[in-house]
N, C-alpha and C. Protein backbone atom coordinates (compact mmCIF):
# COMPACT_ATOMS: atom_id res chain seq x y z
N MET A 1 28.76 -26.88 6.68
CA MET A 1 27.98 -25.64 6.65
C MET A 1 27.44 -25.37 5.24
N LYS A 2 28.32 -25.59 4.24
CA LYS A 2 27.89 -25.32 2.86
C LYS A 2 26.74 -26.24 2.43
N SER A 3 26.87 -27.51 2.79
CA SER A 3 25.82 -28.46 2.39
C SER A 3 24.49 -28.09 3.05
N HIS A 4 24.57 -27.62 4.31
CA HIS A 4 23.36 -27.20 5.02
C HIS A 4 22.75 -26.00 4.32
N PHE A 5 23.61 -25.07 3.89
CA PHE A 5 23.14 -23.88 3.17
C PHE A 5 22.46 -24.27 1.86
N LYS A 6 23.09 -25.22 1.12
CA LYS A 6 22.50 -25.68 -0.14
C LYS A 6 21.17 -26.37 0.09
N ALA A 7 21.09 -27.13 1.17
CA ALA A 7 19.83 -27.82 1.51
C ALA A 7 18.73 -26.80 1.78
N ASP A 8 19.08 -25.72 2.49
CA ASP A 8 18.11 -24.66 2.77
C ASP A 8 17.62 -24.00 1.49
N LEU A 9 18.56 -23.75 0.57
CA LEU A 9 18.19 -23.13 -0.71
C LEU A 9 17.26 -24.04 -1.50
N SER A 10 17.56 -25.33 -1.48
CA SER A 10 16.72 -26.31 -2.18
C SER A 10 15.31 -26.32 -1.60
N LYS A 11 15.22 -26.28 -0.25
CA LYS A 11 13.92 -26.26 0.41
C LYS A 11 13.16 -24.99 0.06
N GLU A 12 13.88 -23.86 0.02
CA GLU A 12 13.24 -22.58 -0.31
C GLU A 12 12.62 -22.65 -1.70
N LYS A 13 13.36 -23.23 -2.64
CA LYS A 13 12.84 -23.35 -4.02
C LYS A 13 11.60 -24.24 -4.06
N GLN A 14 11.61 -25.30 -3.27
CA GLN A 14 10.46 -26.22 -3.23
C GLN A 14 9.23 -25.54 -2.62
N LEU A 15 9.47 -24.56 -1.76
CA LEU A 15 8.38 -23.87 -1.06
C LEU A 15 7.70 -22.83 -1.95
N ILE A 16 8.42 -22.31 -2.93
CA ILE A 16 7.94 -21.19 -3.76
C ILE A 16 6.57 -21.45 -4.41
N PRO A 17 6.33 -22.61 -5.05
CA PRO A 17 5.01 -22.81 -5.68
C PRO A 17 3.84 -22.68 -4.70
N LEU A 18 4.03 -23.18 -3.47
CA LEU A 18 2.97 -23.07 -2.46
C LEU A 18 2.75 -21.60 -2.08
N LEU A 19 3.84 -20.86 -1.86
CA LEU A 19 3.71 -19.45 -1.51
C LEU A 19 3.03 -18.67 -2.62
N ASP A 20 3.45 -18.93 -3.86
CA ASP A 20 2.85 -18.21 -5.00
C ASP A 20 1.36 -18.51 -5.13
N HIS A 21 0.98 -19.75 -4.85
CA HIS A 21 -0.44 -20.12 -4.87
C HIS A 21 -1.23 -19.29 -3.86
N TYR A 22 -0.68 -19.17 -2.65
CA TYR A 22 -1.37 -18.38 -1.61
C TYR A 22 -1.44 -16.90 -2.00
N TYR A 23 -0.36 -16.38 -2.54
CA TYR A 23 -0.36 -14.96 -2.95
C TYR A 23 -1.44 -14.70 -4.01
N LYS A 24 -1.49 -15.59 -5.00
CA LYS A 24 -2.48 -15.42 -6.08
C LYS A 24 -3.90 -15.52 -5.54
N THR A 25 -4.11 -16.41 -4.57
CA THR A 25 -5.44 -16.64 -4.02
C THR A 25 -5.88 -15.54 -3.06
N CYS A 26 -4.94 -15.07 -2.24
CA CYS A 26 -5.31 -14.19 -1.11
C CYS A 26 -5.08 -12.70 -1.33
N LEU A 27 -4.18 -12.35 -2.23
CA LEU A 27 -3.90 -10.92 -2.45
C LEU A 27 -4.86 -10.39 -3.52
N LYS A 28 -6.04 -10.04 -3.07
CA LYS A 28 -7.13 -9.69 -4.00
C LYS A 28 -6.85 -8.42 -4.82
N HIS A 29 -6.20 -7.44 -4.19
CA HIS A 29 -6.01 -6.15 -4.86
C HIS A 29 -4.57 -5.93 -5.32
N SER A 30 -3.77 -6.99 -5.28
CA SER A 30 -2.34 -6.82 -5.60
C SER A 30 -1.87 -7.87 -6.59
N SER A 31 -0.81 -7.52 -7.30
CA SER A 31 -0.11 -8.49 -8.12
C SER A 31 1.32 -8.55 -7.60
N PHE A 32 2.04 -9.62 -7.92
CA PHE A 32 3.40 -9.74 -7.39
C PHE A 32 4.37 -10.22 -8.47
N GLU A 33 5.61 -9.81 -8.29
CA GLU A 33 6.68 -10.24 -9.19
C GLU A 33 7.77 -10.85 -8.33
N ARG A 34 8.15 -12.08 -8.64
CA ARG A 34 9.22 -12.73 -7.89
C ARG A 34 10.57 -12.28 -8.43
N ILE A 35 11.47 -11.92 -7.53
CA ILE A 35 12.76 -11.33 -7.92
C ILE A 35 13.84 -12.40 -8.01
N THR A 36 14.59 -12.38 -9.11
CA THR A 36 15.70 -13.32 -9.28
C THR A 36 17.05 -12.60 -9.27
N ASP A 37 17.01 -11.27 -9.36
CA ASP A 37 18.24 -10.47 -9.34
C ASP A 37 18.92 -10.60 -7.96
N LEU A 38 20.16 -11.10 -7.96
CA LEU A 38 20.86 -11.38 -6.70
C LEU A 38 21.13 -10.12 -5.89
N LYS A 39 21.40 -9.02 -6.56
CA LYS A 39 21.68 -7.77 -5.86
C LYS A 39 20.45 -7.30 -5.07
N LEU A 40 19.29 -7.40 -5.71
CA LEU A 40 18.03 -7.02 -5.03
C LEU A 40 17.71 -7.99 -3.91
N GLN A 41 17.95 -9.29 -4.14
CA GLN A 41 17.69 -10.29 -3.10
C GLN A 41 18.55 -10.02 -1.86
N LYS A 42 19.82 -9.66 -2.09
CA LYS A 42 20.71 -9.34 -0.97
C LYS A 42 20.27 -8.08 -0.24
N ALA A 43 19.53 -7.23 -0.94
CA ALA A 43 19.00 -6.00 -0.33
C ALA A 43 17.66 -6.25 0.37
N GLY A 44 17.29 -7.53 0.49
CA GLY A 44 16.08 -7.90 1.23
C GLY A 44 14.81 -7.81 0.41
N VAL A 45 14.91 -8.14 -0.89
CA VAL A 45 13.74 -8.09 -1.77
C VAL A 45 13.58 -9.43 -2.48
N ASP A 46 12.59 -10.22 -2.06
CA ASP A 46 12.27 -11.47 -2.74
C ASP A 46 11.08 -11.29 -3.69
N LEU A 47 10.20 -10.36 -3.32
CA LEU A 47 9.00 -10.09 -4.12
C LEU A 47 8.80 -8.59 -4.22
N ILE A 48 8.22 -8.16 -5.34
CA ILE A 48 7.71 -6.79 -5.43
C ILE A 48 6.20 -6.91 -5.55
N LEU A 49 5.50 -6.39 -4.54
CA LEU A 49 4.03 -6.39 -4.55
C LEU A 49 3.54 -5.05 -5.06
N THR A 50 2.61 -5.09 -5.99
CA THR A 50 1.99 -3.85 -6.48
C THR A 50 0.54 -3.82 -6.03
N ASP A 51 0.21 -2.81 -5.23
CA ASP A 51 -1.17 -2.61 -4.76
C ASP A 51 -1.89 -1.76 -5.80
N HIS A 52 -2.86 -2.36 -6.49
CA HIS A 52 -3.52 -1.67 -7.60
C HIS A 52 -4.52 -0.60 -7.14
N ARG A 53 -4.79 -0.55 -5.84
CA ARG A 53 -5.69 0.50 -5.33
C ARG A 53 -4.98 1.85 -5.28
N ASN A 54 -3.68 1.83 -5.01
CA ASN A 54 -2.93 3.10 -4.98
C ASN A 54 -1.71 3.09 -5.92
N ASN A 55 -1.57 1.96 -6.65
CA ASN A 55 -0.48 1.79 -7.61
C ASN A 55 0.90 1.91 -6.97
N LYS A 56 1.00 1.51 -5.71
CA LYS A 56 2.29 1.58 -5.01
C LYS A 56 2.97 0.22 -5.01
N GLU A 57 4.31 0.26 -5.04
CA GLU A 57 5.10 -0.97 -4.99
C GLU A 57 5.70 -1.15 -3.60
N TYR A 58 5.70 -2.39 -3.14
CA TYR A 58 6.27 -2.71 -1.83
C TYR A 58 7.26 -3.85 -1.98
N TYR A 59 8.39 -3.72 -1.31
CA TYR A 59 9.43 -4.76 -1.33
C TYR A 59 9.21 -5.73 -0.17
N VAL A 60 9.16 -7.01 -0.51
CA VAL A 60 8.86 -8.05 0.49
C VAL A 60 10.03 -9.01 0.61
N ASP A 61 10.43 -9.26 1.85
CA ASP A 61 11.49 -10.23 2.15
C ASP A 61 10.83 -11.45 2.79
N GLU A 62 10.95 -12.61 2.15
CA GLU A 62 10.35 -13.84 2.68
C GLU A 62 11.29 -14.51 3.67
N LYS A 63 10.74 -14.84 4.85
CA LYS A 63 11.52 -15.52 5.88
C LYS A 63 10.75 -16.77 6.29
N ALA A 64 11.34 -17.94 6.05
CA ALA A 64 10.61 -19.20 6.29
C ALA A 64 11.27 -20.03 7.39
N GLN A 65 10.45 -20.61 8.26
CA GLN A 65 10.93 -21.47 9.35
C GLN A 65 11.19 -22.89 8.82
N LEU A 66 12.17 -23.01 7.93
CA LEU A 66 12.42 -24.31 7.29
C LEU A 66 13.15 -25.30 8.20
N ASP A 67 13.64 -24.83 9.35
CA ASP A 67 14.24 -25.75 10.32
C ASP A 67 13.16 -26.45 11.15
N TYR A 68 11.91 -26.01 10.98
CA TYR A 68 10.83 -26.52 11.84
C TYR A 68 9.65 -27.02 11.01
N VAL A 69 9.93 -27.79 9.96
CA VAL A 69 8.87 -28.34 9.11
C VAL A 69 8.04 -29.34 9.93
N ASN A 70 6.72 -29.28 9.71
CA ASN A 70 5.74 -30.10 10.44
C ASN A 70 5.65 -29.75 11.93
N GLU A 71 5.98 -28.49 12.23
CA GLU A 71 5.82 -27.97 13.59
C GLU A 71 5.14 -26.60 13.50
N SER A 72 4.43 -26.23 14.54
CA SER A 72 3.80 -24.91 14.61
C SER A 72 4.38 -24.14 15.79
N LEU A 73 5.23 -23.19 15.49
CA LEU A 73 5.81 -22.37 16.55
C LEU A 73 5.01 -21.07 16.69
N PRO A 74 4.83 -20.57 17.92
CA PRO A 74 4.08 -19.33 18.11
C PRO A 74 4.94 -18.07 17.95
N THR A 75 6.25 -18.29 17.68
CA THR A 75 7.20 -17.17 17.64
C THR A 75 7.94 -17.11 16.30
N PHE A 76 8.65 -15.98 16.11
CA PHE A 76 9.54 -15.86 14.95
C PHE A 76 10.82 -15.17 15.40
N ALA A 77 11.96 -15.59 14.84
CA ALA A 77 13.26 -15.04 15.20
C ALA A 77 13.68 -13.94 14.23
N PHE A 78 13.86 -12.74 14.75
CA PHE A 78 14.34 -11.60 13.96
C PHE A 78 15.84 -11.46 14.21
N GLU A 79 16.62 -11.69 13.16
CA GLU A 79 18.07 -11.77 13.31
C GLU A 79 18.71 -10.39 13.54
N LEU A 80 19.41 -10.26 14.67
CA LEU A 80 20.10 -9.01 15.01
C LEU A 80 21.56 -9.06 14.58
N PHE A 81 22.24 -10.15 14.89
CA PHE A 81 23.66 -10.33 14.54
C PHE A 81 23.94 -11.78 14.22
N TYR A 82 25.04 -12.00 13.45
CA TYR A 82 25.54 -13.35 13.20
C TYR A 82 27.04 -13.24 12.95
N ARG A 83 27.72 -14.36 12.93
CA ARG A 83 29.17 -14.33 12.70
C ARG A 83 29.51 -15.02 11.39
N LYS A 84 30.43 -14.38 10.68
CA LYS A 84 30.92 -14.94 9.41
C LYS A 84 32.39 -14.58 9.28
N ASN A 85 33.21 -15.58 8.95
CA ASN A 85 34.66 -15.38 8.87
C ASN A 85 35.21 -14.71 10.13
N ARG A 86 34.71 -15.17 11.26
CA ARG A 86 35.13 -14.71 12.60
C ARG A 86 34.77 -13.25 12.90
N LYS A 87 33.98 -12.66 12.04
CA LYS A 87 33.53 -11.28 12.28
C LYS A 87 32.06 -11.26 12.63
N ILE A 88 31.68 -10.34 13.53
CA ILE A 88 30.27 -10.18 13.88
C ILE A 88 29.64 -9.21 12.88
N ARG A 89 28.54 -9.64 12.25
CA ARG A 89 27.87 -8.82 11.24
C ARG A 89 26.42 -8.56 11.63
N GLU A 90 25.89 -7.47 11.14
CA GLU A 90 24.49 -7.16 11.43
C GLU A 90 23.57 -8.11 10.69
N GLY A 91 22.57 -8.60 11.40
CA GLY A 91 21.58 -9.47 10.79
C GLY A 91 20.56 -8.67 9.99
N TRP A 92 19.67 -9.38 9.34
CA TRP A 92 18.74 -8.72 8.40
C TRP A 92 17.79 -7.73 9.07
N PHE A 93 17.52 -7.90 10.37
CA PHE A 93 16.57 -6.99 11.01
C PHE A 93 17.19 -5.62 11.32
N LEU A 94 18.50 -5.60 11.60
CA LEU A 94 19.16 -4.33 11.92
C LEU A 94 19.88 -3.70 10.74
N ASP A 95 20.04 -4.45 9.66
CA ASP A 95 20.83 -3.99 8.51
C ASP A 95 20.12 -2.84 7.78
N ALA A 96 20.71 -1.65 7.88
CA ALA A 96 20.10 -0.44 7.29
C ALA A 96 20.17 -0.43 5.77
N THR A 97 20.98 -1.30 5.18
CA THR A 97 21.09 -1.33 3.71
C THR A 97 19.92 -2.09 3.07
N LYS A 98 19.15 -2.81 3.87
CA LYS A 98 18.01 -3.56 3.32
C LYS A 98 16.90 -2.61 2.87
N LYS A 99 16.29 -2.93 1.74
CA LYS A 99 15.22 -2.09 1.17
C LYS A 99 13.82 -2.58 1.57
N THR A 100 13.76 -3.60 2.40
CA THR A 100 12.51 -4.28 2.77
C THR A 100 11.45 -3.34 3.34
N HIS A 101 10.22 -3.44 2.80
CA HIS A 101 9.06 -2.77 3.40
C HIS A 101 8.28 -3.73 4.31
N PHE A 102 8.14 -4.98 3.82
CA PHE A 102 7.38 -5.99 4.57
C PHE A 102 8.18 -7.29 4.65
N TYR A 103 8.06 -7.97 5.79
CA TYR A 103 8.53 -9.34 5.90
C TYR A 103 7.33 -10.25 5.69
N ALA A 104 7.52 -11.31 4.90
CA ALA A 104 6.50 -12.36 4.80
C ALA A 104 7.03 -13.53 5.64
N LEU A 105 6.52 -13.66 6.86
CA LEU A 105 6.97 -14.72 7.76
C LEU A 105 6.21 -16.00 7.46
N VAL A 106 6.93 -17.02 7.04
CA VAL A 106 6.31 -18.29 6.64
C VAL A 106 6.51 -19.29 7.78
N THR A 107 5.40 -19.67 8.42
CA THR A 107 5.45 -20.54 9.60
C THR A 107 4.48 -21.71 9.44
N SER A 108 4.51 -22.61 10.40
CA SER A 108 3.63 -23.80 10.36
C SER A 108 3.67 -24.47 8.99
N ILE A 109 4.90 -24.73 8.52
CA ILE A 109 5.10 -25.35 7.21
C ILE A 109 4.95 -26.86 7.35
N PHE A 110 4.01 -27.42 6.59
CA PHE A 110 3.77 -28.86 6.66
C PHE A 110 4.05 -29.52 5.31
N SER A 111 4.56 -30.76 5.37
CA SER A 111 4.83 -31.51 4.14
C SER A 111 4.27 -32.93 4.27
N ASP A 112 4.10 -33.59 3.12
CA ASP A 112 3.59 -34.97 3.13
C ASP A 112 4.74 -35.98 3.12
N GLU A 113 4.40 -37.24 2.93
CA GLU A 113 5.42 -38.31 2.96
C GLU A 113 6.44 -38.16 1.84
N LYS A 114 6.05 -37.47 0.77
CA LYS A 114 6.96 -37.30 -0.38
C LYS A 114 7.79 -36.03 -0.25
N ASP A 115 7.75 -35.41 0.93
CA ASP A 115 8.48 -34.16 1.19
C ASP A 115 8.01 -33.00 0.31
N THR A 116 6.74 -33.07 -0.10
CA THR A 116 6.14 -31.95 -0.83
C THR A 116 5.43 -31.05 0.19
N PHE A 117 5.70 -29.77 0.11
CA PHE A 117 5.06 -28.85 1.05
C PHE A 117 3.58 -28.71 0.71
N THR A 118 2.74 -28.90 1.73
CA THR A 118 1.30 -28.94 1.49
C THR A 118 0.54 -27.73 2.06
N SER A 119 1.06 -27.13 3.12
CA SER A 119 0.39 -25.97 3.70
C SER A 119 1.37 -25.16 4.56
N CYS A 120 1.02 -23.91 4.79
CA CYS A 120 1.83 -23.05 5.66
C CYS A 120 1.00 -21.83 6.04
N ASN A 121 1.48 -21.10 7.02
CA ASN A 121 0.91 -19.79 7.36
C ASN A 121 1.84 -18.70 6.86
N ILE A 122 1.26 -17.58 6.43
CA ILE A 122 2.06 -16.43 6.01
C ILE A 122 1.57 -15.21 6.77
N THR A 123 2.48 -14.56 7.47
CA THR A 123 2.16 -13.34 8.21
C THR A 123 2.97 -12.19 7.64
N PHE A 124 2.29 -11.15 7.17
CA PHE A 124 2.99 -9.97 6.66
C PHE A 124 3.26 -9.00 7.81
N VAL A 125 4.51 -8.57 7.93
CA VAL A 125 4.91 -7.64 8.99
C VAL A 125 5.46 -6.37 8.36
N ASN A 126 4.89 -5.23 8.76
CA ASN A 126 5.37 -3.93 8.29
C ASN A 126 6.65 -3.60 9.05
N ARG A 127 7.78 -3.62 8.34
CA ARG A 127 9.09 -3.46 8.99
C ARG A 127 9.19 -2.12 9.74
N GLU A 128 8.82 -1.04 9.08
CA GLU A 128 8.96 0.28 9.69
C GLU A 128 8.06 0.42 10.93
N LYS A 129 6.82 -0.04 10.82
CA LYS A 129 5.89 0.04 11.97
C LYS A 129 6.42 -0.75 13.16
N LEU A 130 7.01 -1.92 12.89
CA LEU A 130 7.56 -2.73 13.97
C LEU A 130 8.74 -2.00 14.62
N MET A 131 9.63 -1.43 13.80
CA MET A 131 10.78 -0.69 14.33
C MET A 131 10.31 0.47 15.22
N VAL A 132 9.29 1.20 14.75
CA VAL A 132 8.76 2.35 15.51
C VAL A 132 8.18 1.89 16.84
N HIS A 133 7.39 0.80 16.81
CA HIS A 133 6.77 0.30 18.04
C HIS A 133 7.83 -0.14 19.05
N LEU A 134 8.84 -0.86 18.58
CA LEU A 134 9.91 -1.32 19.48
C LEU A 134 10.67 -0.13 20.06
N SER A 135 10.92 0.88 19.23
CA SER A 135 11.61 2.09 19.70
C SER A 135 10.82 2.79 20.79
N GLN A 136 9.50 2.86 20.61
CA GLN A 136 8.64 3.49 21.62
C GLN A 136 8.67 2.73 22.94
N ARG A 137 8.97 1.44 22.86
CA ARG A 137 9.10 0.62 24.08
C ARG A 137 10.50 0.76 24.71
N GLY A 138 11.40 1.42 23.99
CA GLY A 138 12.78 1.52 24.48
C GLY A 138 13.74 0.58 23.78
N LEU A 139 13.19 -0.27 22.89
CA LEU A 139 14.03 -1.21 22.15
C LEU A 139 14.43 -0.58 20.81
N THR A 140 15.23 0.48 20.90
CA THR A 140 15.72 1.14 19.69
C THR A 140 16.78 0.26 19.03
N GLN A 141 17.09 0.54 17.78
CA GLN A 141 18.14 -0.22 17.10
C GLN A 141 19.47 -0.07 17.84
N LYS A 142 19.73 1.14 18.33
CA LYS A 142 20.97 1.41 19.08
C LYS A 142 21.01 0.53 20.34
N PHE A 143 19.90 0.48 21.08
CA PHE A 143 19.83 -0.32 22.31
C PHE A 143 20.04 -1.80 21.98
N LEU A 144 19.36 -2.30 20.94
CA LEU A 144 19.48 -3.71 20.57
C LEU A 144 20.91 -4.06 20.16
N ARG A 145 21.56 -3.13 19.44
CA ARG A 145 22.97 -3.35 19.08
C ARG A 145 23.85 -3.44 20.33
N GLU A 146 23.66 -2.47 21.23
CA GLU A 146 24.51 -2.39 22.43
C GLU A 146 24.33 -3.60 23.34
N ILE A 147 23.09 -3.96 23.62
CA ILE A 147 22.85 -5.09 24.54
C ILE A 147 23.32 -6.41 23.93
N SER A 148 23.20 -6.54 22.61
CA SER A 148 23.67 -7.75 21.93
C SER A 148 25.19 -7.88 22.03
N MET A 149 25.90 -6.76 21.87
CA MET A 149 27.37 -6.79 21.90
C MET A 149 27.90 -7.00 23.33
N VAL A 150 27.23 -6.41 24.29
CA VAL A 150 27.65 -6.57 25.70
C VAL A 150 27.56 -8.04 26.11
N HIS A 151 26.52 -8.73 25.61
CA HIS A 151 26.27 -10.12 26.02
C HIS A 151 26.56 -11.12 24.90
N LYS A 152 27.41 -10.75 23.95
CA LYS A 152 27.61 -11.56 22.73
C LYS A 152 28.09 -12.99 22.98
N ASN A 153 28.69 -13.25 24.15
CA ASN A 153 29.17 -14.60 24.45
C ASN A 153 28.19 -15.41 25.30
N LEU A 154 27.06 -14.81 25.61
CA LEU A 154 26.02 -15.51 26.37
C LEU A 154 25.40 -16.59 25.49
N HIS A 155 24.88 -17.65 26.10
CA HIS A 155 24.12 -18.65 25.34
C HIS A 155 22.77 -18.84 26.00
N GLY A 156 21.72 -18.76 25.18
CA GLY A 156 20.38 -19.00 25.70
C GLY A 156 19.52 -17.75 25.73
N LYS A 157 18.45 -17.86 26.50
CA LYS A 157 17.41 -16.83 26.54
C LYS A 157 17.80 -15.68 27.47
N MET A 158 17.47 -14.46 27.04
CA MET A 158 17.68 -13.28 27.89
C MET A 158 16.40 -12.46 27.88
N GLU A 159 15.79 -12.29 29.04
CA GLU A 159 14.56 -11.51 29.14
C GLU A 159 14.87 -10.02 29.16
N LEU A 160 13.94 -9.24 28.59
CA LEU A 160 14.08 -7.78 28.54
C LEU A 160 12.92 -7.15 29.30
N LYS A 161 13.21 -6.12 30.09
CA LYS A 161 12.13 -5.49 30.86
C LYS A 161 11.13 -4.75 29.96
N GLU A 162 11.56 -4.44 28.72
CA GLU A 162 10.70 -3.67 27.82
C GLU A 162 9.56 -4.49 27.20
N ILE A 163 9.72 -5.80 27.16
CA ILE A 163 8.67 -6.66 26.59
C ILE A 163 8.44 -7.87 27.50
N HIS A 164 7.19 -8.31 27.57
CA HIS A 164 6.81 -9.44 28.43
C HIS A 164 7.35 -10.74 27.81
N PRO A 165 8.21 -11.48 28.54
CA PRO A 165 8.86 -12.65 27.95
C PRO A 165 7.91 -13.77 27.51
N LYS A 166 6.77 -13.91 28.18
CA LYS A 166 5.84 -14.99 27.81
C LYS A 166 4.80 -14.55 26.79
N LYS A 167 4.43 -13.28 26.81
CA LYS A 167 3.36 -12.81 25.92
C LYS A 167 3.88 -12.06 24.69
N GLU A 168 5.12 -11.55 24.76
CA GLU A 168 5.61 -10.68 23.68
C GLU A 168 6.94 -11.14 23.06
N GLY A 169 7.99 -11.26 23.86
CA GLY A 169 9.25 -11.71 23.27
C GLY A 169 10.45 -11.59 24.19
N TYR A 170 11.63 -11.94 23.65
CA TYR A 170 12.88 -11.95 24.42
C TYR A 170 14.05 -12.06 23.44
N LEU A 171 15.27 -11.93 23.95
CA LEU A 171 16.46 -12.15 23.13
C LEU A 171 16.91 -13.60 23.28
N PHE A 172 17.51 -14.14 22.20
CA PHE A 172 18.07 -15.49 22.29
C PHE A 172 19.43 -15.52 21.61
N PHE A 173 20.43 -16.00 22.35
CA PHE A 173 21.81 -16.09 21.87
C PHE A 173 22.14 -17.55 21.57
N SER A 174 22.43 -17.86 20.31
CA SER A 174 22.77 -19.25 19.92
C SER A 174 24.28 -19.34 19.69
N THR A 175 25.06 -19.14 20.74
CA THR A 175 26.52 -19.08 20.59
C THR A 175 27.19 -20.45 20.60
N GLN A 176 26.47 -21.49 21.04
CA GLN A 176 27.12 -22.80 21.17
C GLN A 176 26.66 -23.84 20.17
N ASN A 177 25.45 -23.69 19.64
CA ASN A 177 24.90 -24.79 18.83
C ASN A 177 24.75 -24.45 17.34
N LYS A 178 25.09 -23.24 16.93
CA LYS A 178 24.97 -22.88 15.51
C LYS A 178 26.25 -22.21 15.03
N ALA A 179 26.68 -22.58 13.80
CA ALA A 179 27.96 -22.08 13.26
C ALA A 179 28.01 -20.56 13.17
N GLU A 180 26.86 -19.95 12.80
CA GLU A 180 26.85 -18.49 12.63
C GLU A 180 26.61 -17.74 13.95
N LYS A 181 26.38 -18.49 15.02
CA LYS A 181 26.17 -17.91 16.36
C LYS A 181 25.20 -16.72 16.35
N PRO A 182 24.00 -16.91 15.81
CA PRO A 182 23.08 -15.77 15.68
C PRO A 182 22.57 -15.25 17.03
N ILE A 183 22.33 -13.95 17.04
CA ILE A 183 21.65 -13.31 18.17
C ILE A 183 20.31 -12.84 17.61
N ASN A 184 19.21 -13.36 18.17
CA ASN A 184 17.89 -13.08 17.61
C ASN A 184 16.96 -12.42 18.63
N LEU A 185 16.10 -11.56 18.11
CA LEU A 185 14.99 -11.04 18.89
C LEU A 185 13.81 -11.95 18.57
N ILE A 186 13.35 -12.72 19.56
CA ILE A 186 12.25 -13.66 19.37
C ILE A 186 10.95 -12.93 19.72
N LEU A 187 10.03 -12.87 18.75
CA LEU A 187 8.76 -12.18 18.99
C LEU A 187 7.59 -13.12 18.73
N LYS A 188 6.56 -13.01 19.56
CA LYS A 188 5.34 -13.81 19.39
C LYS A 188 4.56 -13.29 18.19
N LEU A 189 4.07 -14.19 17.37
CA LEU A 189 3.31 -13.80 16.19
C LEU A 189 2.00 -13.09 16.56
N ASP A 190 1.33 -13.59 17.60
CA ASP A 190 0.07 -12.94 17.98
C ASP A 190 0.31 -11.55 18.59
N PHE A 191 1.48 -11.34 19.19
CA PHE A 191 1.87 -10.02 19.69
C PHE A 191 2.01 -9.04 18.52
N LEU A 192 2.63 -9.48 17.44
CA LEU A 192 2.81 -8.62 16.25
C LEU A 192 1.46 -8.21 15.66
N GLU A 193 0.51 -9.15 15.66
CA GLU A 193 -0.84 -8.82 15.17
C GLU A 193 -1.56 -7.89 16.13
N ARG A 194 -1.38 -8.16 17.43
CA ARG A 194 -2.08 -7.38 18.45
C ARG A 194 -1.68 -5.91 18.45
N ILE A 195 -0.40 -5.62 18.18
CA ILE A 195 0.07 -4.22 18.20
C ILE A 195 -0.12 -3.54 16.84
N GLY A 196 -0.71 -4.26 15.88
CA GLY A 196 -1.09 -3.65 14.60
C GLY A 196 0.03 -3.48 13.59
N VAL A 197 1.11 -4.29 13.73
CA VAL A 197 2.20 -4.19 12.74
C VAL A 197 2.21 -5.39 11.80
N ALA A 198 1.31 -6.36 12.04
CA ALA A 198 1.28 -7.59 11.24
C ALA A 198 -0.13 -8.02 10.93
N LYS A 199 -0.24 -8.78 9.83
CA LYS A 199 -1.55 -9.31 9.43
C LYS A 199 -1.34 -10.70 8.82
N ARG A 200 -2.13 -11.66 9.30
CA ARG A 200 -2.07 -13.01 8.74
C ARG A 200 -2.71 -13.03 7.36
N LEU A 201 -1.96 -13.48 6.37
CA LEU A 201 -2.51 -13.63 5.03
C LEU A 201 -3.26 -14.96 4.94
N VAL A 202 -2.64 -16.00 5.49
CA VAL A 202 -3.26 -17.32 5.44
C VAL A 202 -2.76 -18.15 6.62
C-alpha cells in the first residue's frame, strides 16, 4: 500500500508542470500560487487562485485520474468514505473540514513512451454549487452518509432514483478490490457542465 501511495505522489509531482502550463495559458484573468504547506494541503488546498477582476482568492483542490493514464473516462469519482486503520472515515467530498472552493478534476491524462505527461483535460467544479444542486435533488450530505453506511459492505454499482444512472451518476462501492474500500459518488463530467456547476478549462 505504501509503495502504491509513493508511486501516486511521484506521478502527481510529474503532472504538476503540465497543469501549471495550462493554468498560465488558460487563466486569463487569474494568477495562481501552488501550496506546499502540508496543513493547507490536508485542508483541501493545492492552489490558491486570485481573480484579478474582483481580487478574490479561491482555494482549489486538484484531483487527478492517475490510475487511468492514456484513457478517457466520461466520469469522475467523488469520494464519500474510505477505510483506514479499520475505521471508516469521511472522504474528501463529505469532509466539512476541507476549505476547498473548487475542484480541478484532471482527466484524459496522456503520456508518451518516456512516461512524460503530454496532455490532459482540466474541469473546474464549484464545490458549493454542486452540493446545493445535489441537495435539491434529494442527495443531501446526510442522505449520502446514511445510504453509504447502510450499504457499506456492498460491492459494485448502486443506482439512485435521484439521478439518472446512464446520463448523470450513481454510487460505487469498492469493498473487495481496493485496500481503502472507498465508497464513491460517480458523476458524469458532461452532467456537471450541463447543470452549471463545472467548466472545462482545457
